[in-house]
Amino acid sequence: MIDVMKTVEFETELSGNQTLSIPPEIASVLPQKGKATVLVCVDMDSEDVAWRKAAYDQFLSDDSEEDAVYDKYR
């Protein structure tokens, strides 16, 4: 059996509780019953992104000369 999935994308506001709100126009096109896979993507703090990039750059800067060949894949 082949599983086929339909993807529905929308944005919602996080309110601090454990419930995600589905906009009415999206809810109206969803099946009434069945299973759904939920993927939540959130914006990252710009300071966290900068810190991760700096850590990655520092990690790569410590490479030996033999490993310099991999620098072109950054």
PDB file of N, CA and C in Angstrom:
ATOM      1  N   MET A   1       0.837  -1.174   0.000  1.00  0.00           N
ATOM      2  CA  MET A   1       0.000   0.000   0.000  1.00  0.00           C
ATOM      3  C   MET A   1       0.890   1.248   0.000  1.00  0.00           C
ATOM      4  N   ILE A   2       0.530   2.231  -0.773  1.00  0.00           N
ATOM      5  CA  ILE A   2       1.278   3.482  -0.862  1.00  0.00           C
ATOM      6  C   ILE A   2       0.518   4.556  -0.090  1.00  0.00           C
ATOM      7  N   ASP A   3       1.213   5.203   0.836  1.00  0.00           N
ATOM      8  CA  ASP A   3       0.603   6.307   1.575  1.00  0.00           C
ATOM      9  C   ASP A   3       0.804   7.595   0.794  1.00  0.00           C
ATOM     10  N   VAL A   4      -0.250   8.346   0.656  1.00  0.00           N
ATOM     11  CA  VAL A   4      -0.191   9.635  -0.023  1.00  0.00           C
ATOM     12  C   VAL A   4      -0.589  10.692   0.995  1.00  0.00           C
ATOM     13  N   MET A   5       0.199  11.743   1.081  1.00  0.00           N
ATOM     14  CA  MET A   5      -0.084  12.795   2.045  1.00  0.00           C
ATOM     15  C   MET A   5      -0.367  14.106   1.329  1.00  0.00           C
ATOM     16  N   LYS A   6      -1.274  14.859   1.867  1.00  0.00           N
ATOM     17  CA  LYS A   6      -1.567  16.207   1.389  1.00  0.00           C
ATOM     18  C   LYS A   6      -0.954  17.171   2.405  1.00  0.00           C
ATOM     19  N   THR A   7      -0.287  18.188   1.939  1.00  0.00           N
ATOM     20  CA  THR A   7       0.339  19.167   2.825  1.00  0.00           C
ATOM     21  C   THR A   7      -0.491  20.440   2.864  1.00  0.00           C
ATOM     22  N   VAL A   8      -0.736  20.924   4.059  1.00  0.00           N
ATOM     23  CA  VAL A   8      -1.450  22.176   4.266  1.00  0.00           C
ATOM     24  C   VAL A   8      -0.547  23.052   5.122  1.00  0.00           C
ATOM     25  N   GLU A   9      -0.260  24.264   4.643  1.00  0.00           N
ATOM     26  CA  GLU A   9       0.638  25.154   5.372  1.00  0.00           C
ATOM     27  C   GLU A   9      -0.132  26.395   5.817  1.00  0.00           C
ATOM     28  N   PHE A  10       0.134  26.815   7.063  1.00  0.00           N
ATOM     29  CA  PHE A  10      -0.486  28.033   7.578  1.00  0.00           C
ATOM     30  C   PHE A  10       0.369  28.566   8.715  1.00  0.00           C
ATOM     31  N   GLU A  11       0.163  29.818   9.055  1.00  0.00           N
ATOM     32  CA  GLU A  11       0.841  30.419  10.205  1.00  0.00           C
ATOM     33  C   GLU A  11      -0.170  30.616  11.321  1.00  0.00           C
ATOM     34  N   THR A  12       0.323  30.505  12.547  1.00  0.00           N
ATOM     35  CA  THR A  12      -0.518  30.734  13.715  1.00  0.00           C
ATOM     36  C   THR A  12       0.316  31.402  14.791  1.00  0.00           C
ATOM     37  N   GLU A  13      -0.326  32.075  15.710  1.00  0.00           N
ATOM     38  CA  GLU A  13       0.369  32.727  16.818  1.00  0.00           C
ATOM     39  C   GLU A  13       0.483  31.748  17.980  1.00  0.00           C
ATOM     40  N   LEU A  14       1.662  31.673  18.569  1.00  0.00           N
ATOM     41  CA  LEU A  14       1.848  30.866  19.767  1.00  0.00           C
ATOM     42  C   LEU A  14       1.424  31.712  20.960  1.00  0.00           C
ATOM     43  N   SER A  15       0.632  31.134  21.842  1.00  0.00           N
ATOM     44  CA  SER A  15       0.086  31.908  22.956  1.00  0.00           C
ATOM     45  C   SER A  15       0.622  31.466  24.312  1.00  0.00           C
ATOM     46  N   GLY A  16       1.530  30.509  24.334  1.00  0.00           N
ATOM     47  CA  GLY A  16       2.096  30.073  25.601  1.00  0.00           C
ATOM     48  C   GLY A  16       1.391  28.865  26.198  1.00  0.00           C
ATOM     49  N   ASN A  17       0.249  28.481  25.651  1.00  0.00           N
ATOM     50  CA  ASN A  17      -0.401  27.279  26.167  1.00  0.00           C
ATOM     51  C   ASN A  17      -0.046  26.100  25.266  1.00  0.00           C
ATOM     52  N   GLN A  18      -0.613  24.955  25.548  1.00  0.00           N
ATOM     53  CA  GLN A  18      -0.246  23.738  24.820  1.00  0.00           C
ATOM     54  C   GLN A  18      -1.159  23.440  23.638  1.00  0.00           C
ATOM     55  N   THR A  19      -1.875  24.437  23.155  1.00  0.00           N
ATOM     56  CA  THR A  19      -2.805  24.254  22.046  1.00  0.00           C
ATOM     57  C   THR A  19      -2.402  25.146  20.884  1.00  0.00           C
ATOM     58  N   LEU A  20      -2.361  24.574  19.683  1.00  0.00           N
ATOM     59  CA  LEU A  20      -2.117  25.355  18.476  1.00  0.00           C
ATOM     60  C   LEU A  20      -3.455  25.634  17.803  1.00  0.00           C
ATOM     61  N   SER A  21      -3.651  26.867  17.394  1.00  0.00           N
ATOM     62  CA  SER A  21      -4.898  27.236  16.719  1.00  0.00           C
ATOM     63  C   SER A  21      -4.767  27.001  15.220  1.00  0.00           C
ATOM     64  N   ILE A  22      -5.779  26.354  14.651  1.00  0.00           N
ATOM     65  CA  ILE A  22      -5.846  26.152  13.212  1.00  0.00           C
ATOM     66  C   ILE A  22      -6.855  27.165  12.671  1.00  0.00           C
ATOM     67  N   PRO A  23      -6.424  27.997  11.729  1.00  0.00           N
ATOM     68  CA  PRO A  23      -7.357  28.994  11.179  1.00  0.00           C
ATOM     69  C   PRO A  23      -8.599  28.309  10.606  1.00  0.00           C
ATOM     70  N   PRO A  24      -9.775  28.940  10.748  1.00  0.00           N
ATOM     71  CA  PRO A  24     -11.032  28.331  10.284  1.00  0.00           C
ATOM     72  C   PRO A  24     -11.010  27.921   8.810  1.00  0.00           C
ATOM     73  N   GLU A  25     -10.395  28.737   7.946  1.00  0.00           N
ATOM     74  CA  GLU A  25     -10.372  28.401   6.519  1.00  0.00           C
ATOM     75  C   GLU A  25      -9.542  27.156   6.241  1.00  0.00           C
ATOM     76  N   ILE A  26      -8.566  26.861   7.100  1.00  0.00           N
ATOM     77  CA  ILE A  26      -7.770  25.631   6.965  1.00  0.00           C
ATOM     78  C   ILE A  26      -8.544  24.459   7.554  1.00  0.00           C
ATOM     79  N   ALA A  27      -9.120  24.663   8.737  1.00  0.00           N
ATOM     80  CA  ALA A  27      -9.879  23.597   9.399  1.00  0.00           C
ATOM     81  C   ALA A  27     -11.017  23.111   8.525  1.00  0.00           C
ATOM     82  N   SER A  28     -11.616  23.983   7.746  1.00  0.00           N
ATOM     83  CA  SER A  28     -12.767  23.592   6.917  1.00  0.00           C
ATOM     84  C   SER A  28     -12.379  22.647   5.781  1.00  0.00           C
ATOM     85  N   VAL A  29     -11.107  22.609   5.382  1.00  0.00           N
ATOM     86  CA  VAL A  29     -10.695  21.716   4.296  1.00  0.00           C
ATOM     87  C   VAL A  29     -10.031  20.436   4.808  1.00  0.00           C
ATOM     88  N   LEU A  30      -9.888  20.301   6.124  1.00  0.00           N
ATOM     89  CA  LEU A  30      -9.288  19.097   6.691  1.00  0.00           C
ATOM     90  C   LEU A  30     -10.361  18.023   6.879  1.00  0.00           C
ATOM     91  N   PRO A  31      -9.963  16.755   6.771  1.00  0.00           N
ATOM     92  CA  PRO A  31     -10.920  15.682   7.034  1.00  0.00           C
ATOM     93  C   PRO A  31     -11.392  15.737   8.495  1.00  0.00           C
ATOM     94  N   GLN A  32     -12.583  15.269   8.760  1.00  0.00           N
ATOM     95  CA  GLN A  32     -13.129  15.280  10.124  1.00  0.00           C
ATOM     96  C   GLN A  32     -12.442  14.265  11.029  1.00  0.00           C
ATOM     97  N   LYS A  33     -11.955  13.158  10.446  1.00  0.00           N
ATOM     98  CA  LYS A  33     -11.315  12.094  11.231  1.00  0.00           C
ATOM     99  C   LYS A  33     -10.072  11.616  10.509  1.00  0.00           C
ATOM    100  N   GLY A  34      -9.229  10.929  11.238  1.00  0.00           N
ATOM    101  CA  GLY A  34      -8.025  10.355  10.657  1.00  0.00           C
ATOM    102  C   GLY A  34      -6.793  10.852  11.379  1.00  0.00           C
ATOM    103  N   LYS A  35      -5.660  10.468  10.866  1.00  0.00           N
ATOM    104  CA  LYS A  35      -4.391  10.856  11.465  1.00  0.00           C
ATOM    105  C   LYS A  35      -3.787  12.008  10.685  1.00  0.00           C
ATOM    106  N   ALA A  36      -3.003  12.819  11.376  1.00  0.00           N
ATOM    107  CA  ALA A  36      -2.278  13.920  10.742  1.00  0.00           C
ATOM    108  C   ALA A  36      -0.878  13.977  11.343  1.00  0.00           C
ATOM    109  N   THR A  37       0.083  14.315  10.530  1.00  0.00           N
ATOM    110  CA  THR A  37       1.437  14.553  11.002  1.00  0.00           C
ATOM    111  C   THR A  37       1.622  16.054  11.101  1.00  0.00           C
ATOM    112  N   VAL A  38       2.080  16.519  12.255  1.00  0.00           N
ATOM    113  CA  VAL A  38       2.226  17.950  12.485  1.00  0.00           C
ATOM    114  C   VAL A  38       3.712  18.289  12.579  1.00  0.00           C
ATOM    115  N   LEU A  39       4.132  19.270  11.824  1.00  0.00           N
ATOM    116  CA  LEU A  39       5.500  19.768  11.831  1.00  0.00           C
ATOM    117  C   LEU A  39       5.432  21.236  12.212  1.00  0.00           C
ATOM    118  N   VAL A  40       6.134  21.623  13.278  1.00  0.00           N
ATOM    119  CA  VAL A  40       6.102  23.002  13.750  1.00  0.00           C
ATOM    120  C   VAL A  40       7.464  23.637  13.502  1.00  0.00           C
ATOM    121  N   CYS A  41       7.485  24.719  12.754  1.00  0.00           N
ATOM    122  CA  CYS A  41       8.708  25.480  12.489  1.00  0.00           C
ATOM    123  C   CYS A  41       8.557  26.847  13.142  1.00  0.00           C
ATOM    124  N   VAL A  42       9.534  27.251  13.926  1.00  0.00           N
ATOM    125  CA  VAL A  42       9.461  28.546  14.593  1.00  0.00           C
ATOM    126  C   VAL A  42      10.661  29.394  14.191  1.00  0.00           C
ATOM    127  N   ASP A  43      10.470  30.706  14.201  1.00  0.00           N
ATOM    128  CA  ASP A  43      11.566  31.619  13.922  1.00  0.00           C
ATOM    129  C   ASP A  43      12.588  31.522  15.042  1.00  0.00           C
ATOM    130  N   MET A  44      13.861  31.476  14.668  1.00  0.00           N
ATOM    131  CA  MET A  44      14.919  31.419  15.674  1.00  0.00           C
ATOM    132  C   MET A  44      15.348  32.824  16.045  1.00  0.00           C
ATOM    133  N   ASP A  45      15.779  32.969  17.274  1.00  0.00           N
ATOM    134  CA  ASP A  45      16.311  34.232  17.765  1.00  0.00           C
ATOM    135  C   ASP A  45      17.551  34.584  16.944  1.00  0.00           C
ATOM    136  N   SER A  46      17.629  35.810  16.457  1.00  0.00           N
ATOM    137  CA  SER A  46      18.751  36.208  15.598  1.00  0.00           C
ATOM    138  C   SER A  46      20.090  36.097  16.330  1.00  0.00           C
ATOM    139  N   GLU A  47      20.118  36.302  17.639  1.00  0.00           N
ATOM    140  CA  GLU A  47      21.362  36.132  18.393  1.00  0.00           C
ATOM    141  C   GLU A  47      21.782  34.666  18.416  1.00  0.00           C
ATOM    142  N   ASP A  48      20.809  33.762  18.515  1.00  0.00           N
ATOM    143  CA  ASP A  48      21.110  32.335  18.513  1.00  0.00           C
ATOM    144  C   ASP A  48      21.662  31.914  17.156  1.00  0.00           C
ATOM    145  N   VAL A  49      21.072  32.423  16.087  1.00  0.00           N
ATOM    146  CA  VAL A  49      21.541  32.109  14.738  1.00  0.00           C
ATOM    147  C   VAL A  49      22.978  32.603  14.561  1.00  0.00           C
ATOM    148  N   ALA A  50      23.249  33.831  15.014  1.00  0.00           N
ATOM    149  CA  ALA A  50      24.600  34.399  14.898  1.00  0.00           C
ATOM    150  C   ALA A  50      25.605  33.581  15.706  1.00  0.00           C
ATOM    151  N   TRP A  51      25.219  33.163  16.920  1.00  0.00           N
ATOM    152  CA  TRP A  51      26.111  32.369  17.759  1.00  0.00           C
ATOM    153  C   TRP A  51      26.422  31.034  17.101  1.00  0.00           C
ATOM    154  N   ARG A  52      25.388  30.367  16.547  1.00  0.00           N
ATOM    155  CA  ARG A  52      25.600  29.075  15.885  1.00  0.00           C
ATOM    156  C   ARG A  52      26.518  29.213  14.667  1.00  0.00           C
ATOM    157  N   LYS A  53      26.333  30.282  13.891  1.00  0.00           N
ATOM    158  CA  LYS A  53      27.184  30.508  12.727  1.00  0.00           C
ATOM    159  C   LYS A  53      28.627  30.743  13.151  1.00  0.00           C
ATOM    160  N   ALA A  54      28.831  31.553  14.196  1.00  0.00           N
ATOM    161  CA  ALA A  54      30.183  31.831  14.683  1.00  0.00           C
ATOM    162  C   ALA A  54      30.845  30.555  15.193  1.00  0.00           C
ATOM    163  N   ALA A  55      30.095  29.729  15.899  1.00  0.00           N
ATOM    164  CA  ALA A  55      30.645  28.467  16.402  1.00  0.00           C
ATOM    165  C   ALA A  55      31.025  27.543  15.248  1.00  0.00           C
ATOM    166  N   TYR A  56      30.188  27.484  14.231  1.00  0.00           N
ATOM    167  CA  TYR A  56      30.479  26.659  13.056  1.00  0.00           C
ATOM    168  C   TYR A  56      31.722  27.171  12.327  1.00  0.00           C
ATOM    169  N   ASP A  57      31.798  28.492  12.142  1.00  0.00           N
ATOM    170  CA  ASP A  57      32.964  29.079  11.478  1.00  0.00           C
ATOM    171  C   ASP A  57      34.243  28.811  12.271  1.00  0.00           C
ATOM    172  N   GLN A  58      34.174  28.900  13.593  1.00  0.00           N
ATOM    173  CA  GLN A  58      35.338  28.626  14.434  1.00  0.00           C
ATOM    174  C   GLN A  58      35.747  27.170  14.320  1.00  0.00           C
ATOM    175  N   PHE A  59      34.771  26.291  14.309  1.00  0.00           N
ATOM    176  CA  PHE A  59      35.043  24.871  14.165  1.00  0.00           C
ATOM    177  C   PHE A  59      35.780  24.594  12.863  1.00  0.00           C
ATOM    178  N   LEU A  60      35.329  25.200  11.775  1.00  0.00           N
ATOM    179  CA  LEU A  60      35.968  24.978  10.476  1.00  0.00           C
ATOM    180  C   LEU A  60      37.331  25.646  10.378  1.00  0.00           C
ATOM    181  N   SER A  61      37.533  26.723  11.089  1.00  0.00           N
ATOM    182  CA  SER A  61      38.811  27.443  10.981  1.00  0.00           C
ATOM    183  C   SER A  61      39.962  26.669  11.602  1.00  0.00           C
ATOM    184  N   ASP A  62      39.677  25.680  12.439  1.00  0.00           N
ATOM    185  CA  ASP A  62      40.722  24.900  13.091  1.00  0.00           C
ATOM    186  C   ASP A  62      41.176  23.705  12.258  1.00  0.00           C
ATOM    187  N   ASP A  63      40.734  23.618  11.021  1.00  0.00           N
ATOM    188  CA  ASP A  63      41.131  22.500  10.172  1.00  0.00           C
ATOM    189  C   ASP A  63      42.602  22.565   9.812  1.00  0.00           C
ATOM    190  N   SER A  64      43.175  21.400   9.620  1.00  0.00           N
ATOM    191  CA  SER A  64      44.551  21.333   9.155  1.00  0.00           C
ATOM    192  C   SER A  64      44.604  21.675   7.670  1.00  0.00           C
ATOM    193  N   GLU A  65      45.801  21.869   7.148  1.00  0.00           N
ATOM    194  CA  GLU A  65      45.940  22.206   5.734  1.00  0.00           C
ATOM    195  C   GLU A  65      45.446  21.075   4.832  1.00  0.00           C
ATOM    196  N   GLU A  66      45.560  19.840   5.294  1.00  0.00           N
ATOM    197  CA  GLU A  66      45.078  18.716   4.490  1.00  0.00           C
ATOM    198  C   GLU A  66      43.564  18.773   4.313  1.00  0.00           C
ATOM    199  N   ASP A  67      42.878  19.319   5.298  1.00  0.00           N
ATOM    200  CA  ASP A  67      41.418  19.396   5.232  1.00  0.00           C
ATOM    201  C   ASP A  67      40.926  20.639   4.510  1.00  0.00           C
ATOM    202  N   ALA A  68      41.824  21.510   4.106  1.00  0.00           N
ATOM    203  CA  ALA A  68      41.421  22.736   3.413  1.00  0.00           C
ATOM    204  C   ALA A  68      40.676  22.456   2.120  1.00  0.00           C
ATOM    205  N   VAL A  69      40.872  21.280   1.547  1.00  0.00           N
ATOM    206  CA  VAL A  69      40.189  20.917   0.309  1.00  0.00           C
ATOM    207  C   VAL A  69      38.676  20.932   0.501  1.00  0.00           C
ATOM    208  N   TYR A  70      38.192  20.725   1.716  1.00  0.00           N
ATOM    209  CA  TYR A  70      36.749  20.686   1.980  1.00  0.00           C
ATOM    210  C   TYR A  70      36.143  22.077   2.156  1.00  0.00           C
ATOM    211  N   ASP A  71      36.964  23.123   2.261  1.00  0.00           N
ATOM    212  CA  ASP A  71      36.457  24.477   2.471  1.00  0.00           C
ATOM    213  C   ASP A  71      35.558  24.948   1.353  1.00  0.00           C
ATOM    214  N   LYS A  72      35.746  24.438   0.149  1.00  0.00           N
ATOM    215  CA  LYS A  72      34.926  24.883  -0.975  1.00  0.00           C
ATOM    216  C   LYS A  72      33.476  24.396  -0.855  1.00  0.00           C
ATOM    217  N   TYR A  73      33.195  23.480   0.079  1.00  0.00           N
ATOM    218  CA  TYR A  73      31.844  22.954   0.249  1.00  0.00           C
ATOM    219  C   TYR A  73      31.035  23.686   1.316  1.00  0.00           C
ATOM    220  N   ARG A  74      31.545  24.767   1.849  1.00  0.00           N
ATOM    221  CA  ARG A  74      30.826  25.541   2.871  1.00  0.00           C
ATOM    222  C   ARG A  74      29.587  26.129   2.323  1.00  0.00           C
TER     223      ARG A  74
END
